[in-house]
Each structure stands twice: as C-alpha cells, then as structure tokens.
Amino acid sequence: MNTAVTICPLTTRAGLHIGTVEVESTVDGRVEGTFTPGPDYLQVEPHFRHFEELVDGQILSLTDQAMAVIDGLGIVAHLPGGEFPVHEVQIYSDGGFSCRLPTTVVNGKHAG
C-alpha cells in the first residue's frame, strides 16, 4: 500500500498563494482532497463561500455564474507532474476540495 501524501500548492495567475491540497484521489481528470488555506486565501474566500451557499441553498441556476468567477481567478495546481491551470475549483468551509485538470493533461498531451 502506498502511503505517500501528495501536497499540492495552489496559486492564482496573479501570484496569490491561496493554499495547499492534500490530494486524496485523481480520477478521470478530477482531483479531490483536503484544502488548507494559505496566506492569500482571504482575498479569494468570498467567491468560494458564495458558491458553497448557492449549492447548499440549491440555487443551482446561479452556480455556473459563480463558477465562472472562480475560474476567472486562473488557479494553478502545482502537481508532481508540473504546473497545471485547473478549473471548476471547489473549496468548501469544511476543507473539502475538488477541481478538474485540463483535458490535455487527462489525455496525456499536456506540453507543460
């Protein structure tokens, strides 16, 4: 059994260090794990809280718009295989985390 833990730093295109993720699984391009806030997380936290409130309140008609704002942050995951722009990033107040890798990474064609 492999007990190695992958810690993945998360930054934004603007250079904010928003935190790290302890990666628990990567399946079909979806990364899941536990999020720990970084020094700049408070600058982006309202976007994630808003998304969480929409999901919890089942106001699903507005989640696409909220996710577009989060995707606009340009979040980059620093994984062992390289730095990858990720999308559909979800960070919940309980530390839950998920995101999607670019399709080119999933298909094994990423040049980065």
Protein backbone atom coordinates (compact mmCIF):
# COMPACT_ATOMS: atom_id res chain seq x y z
CA MET A 1 0.00 0.00 0.00
CA ASN A 2 1.34 3.42 -0.97
CA THR A 3 1.12 5.84 1.96
CA ALA A 4 2.84 8.76 0.23
CA VAL A 5 0.92 12.01 0.53
CA THR A 6 0.91 14.48 -2.31
CA ILE A 7 0.74 18.09 -1.16
CA CYS A 8 -0.26 20.37 -4.00
CA PRO A 9 0.25 24.15 -3.68
CA LEU A 10 -2.40 26.33 -5.31
CA THR A 11 -1.66 29.76 -6.72
CA THR A 12 -3.50 32.19 -8.95
CA ARG A 13 -2.47 33.73 -12.23
CA ALA A 14 -1.93 36.96 -10.24
CA GLY A 15 0.57 35.22 -7.95
CA LEU A 16 -1.58 34.72 -4.86
CA HIS A 17 -0.73 31.66 -2.76
CA ILE A 18 -4.22 30.55 -1.81
CA GLY A 19 -3.29 27.31 -0.09
CA THR A 20 -2.40 23.67 -0.43
CA VAL A 21 -4.31 20.49 -1.11
CA GLU A 22 -3.56 17.09 0.30
CA VAL A 23 -4.53 15.08 -2.76
CA GLU A 24 -6.61 12.02 -1.92
CA SER A 25 -7.58 10.94 -5.43
CA THR A 26 -7.22 11.81 -9.08
CA VAL A 27 -9.71 10.03 -11.32
CA ASP A 28 -10.63 10.95 -14.91
CA GLY A 29 -9.13 14.41 -14.52
CA ARG A 30 -10.89 15.21 -11.25
CA VAL A 31 -8.64 15.93 -8.28
CA GLU A 32 -10.10 15.60 -4.78
CA GLY A 33 -8.57 16.22 -1.41
CA THR A 34 -8.39 18.33 1.71
CA PHE A 35 -7.67 22.05 1.45
CA THR A 36 -5.54 24.08 3.87
CA PRO A 37 -5.74 27.88 3.43
CA GLY A 38 -2.59 29.79 2.51
CA PRO A 39 -1.54 33.36 3.27
CA ASP A 40 -3.63 34.89 0.46
CA TYR A 41 -6.77 32.79 0.79
CA LEU A 42 -8.80 35.53 2.47
CA GLN A 43 -8.59 37.53 -0.77
CA VAL A 44 -10.47 34.84 -2.72
CA GLU A 45 -12.51 33.15 0.02
CA PRO A 46 -15.72 35.15 -0.63
CA HIS A 47 -16.00 33.59 -4.09
CA PHE A 48 -15.86 30.07 -2.67
CA ARG A 49 -18.27 30.89 0.20
CA HIS A 50 -20.75 32.32 -2.31
CA PHE A 51 -20.55 29.16 -4.44
CA GLU A 52 -21.00 26.98 -1.34
CA GLU A 53 -24.04 28.98 -0.24
CA LEU A 54 -25.61 28.55 -3.67
CA VAL A 55 -25.02 24.78 -3.61
CA ASP A 56 -26.27 24.43 -0.02
CA GLY A 57 -29.34 26.52 -0.84
CA GLN A 58 -29.91 24.50 -4.03
CA ILE A 59 -29.87 27.69 -6.11
CA LEU A 60 -28.26 25.76 -8.93
CA SER A 61 -29.34 28.23 -11.61
CA LEU A 62 -26.65 30.63 -10.31
CA THR A 63 -23.80 28.18 -9.75
CA ASP A 64 -22.48 28.42 -13.33
CA GLN A 65 -22.08 32.18 -12.95
CA ALA A 66 -20.34 31.78 -9.57
CA MET A 67 -18.03 29.11 -11.02
CA ALA A 68 -17.14 31.41 -13.93
CA VAL A 69 -15.90 33.97 -11.39
CA ILE A 70 -13.80 31.32 -9.65
CA ASP A 71 -12.42 30.05 -12.96
CA GLY A 72 -11.53 33.67 -13.78
CA LEU A 73 -9.04 33.65 -10.90
CA GLY A 74 -6.75 31.47 -13.02
CA ILE A 75 -5.93 28.90 -10.35
CA VAL A 76 -2.84 26.79 -10.96
CA ALA A 77 -2.19 23.45 -9.24
CA HIS A 78 1.47 22.60 -8.67
CA LEU A 79 1.38 18.81 -9.01
CA PRO A 80 4.35 16.42 -9.19
CA GLY A 81 3.99 16.26 -12.99
CA GLY A 82 4.08 20.04 -13.44
CA GLU A 83 2.05 23.21 -13.02
CA PHE A 84 -1.44 22.95 -14.47
CA PRO A 85 -4.21 25.53 -14.81
CA VAL A 86 -7.27 23.94 -13.23
CA HIS A 87 -10.96 24.73 -13.49
CA GLU A 88 -14.18 24.00 -11.64
CA VAL A 89 -12.27 24.53 -8.38
CA GLN A 90 -14.47 23.95 -5.34
CA ILE A 91 -13.24 24.75 -1.85
CA TYR A 92 -15.69 24.21 0.97
CA SER A 93 -15.67 25.57 4.51
CA ASP A 94 -15.12 22.04 5.89
CA GLY A 95 -11.84 21.75 3.94
CA GLY A 96 -13.28 19.71 1.09
CA PHE A 97 -11.63 20.35 -2.26
CA SER A 98 -12.07 19.32 -5.86
CA CYS A 99 -11.04 20.60 -9.28
CA ARG A 100 -10.68 19.45 -12.86
CA LEU A 101 -7.41 19.20 -14.75
CA PRO A 102 -7.22 20.47 -18.34
CA THR A 103 -8.44 17.95 -20.91
CA THR A 104 -4.99 17.86 -22.48
CA VAL A 105 -3.50 16.63 -19.20
CA VAL A 106 -6.15 13.94 -18.81
CA ASN A 107 -5.48 12.74 -22.34
CA GLY A 108 -1.72 12.76 -21.74
CA LYS A 109 -0.97 15.51 -24.24
CA HIS A 110 0.00 18.40 -21.95
CA ALA A 111 3.10 20.16 -23.18
CA GLY A 112 3.76 21.95 -19.88
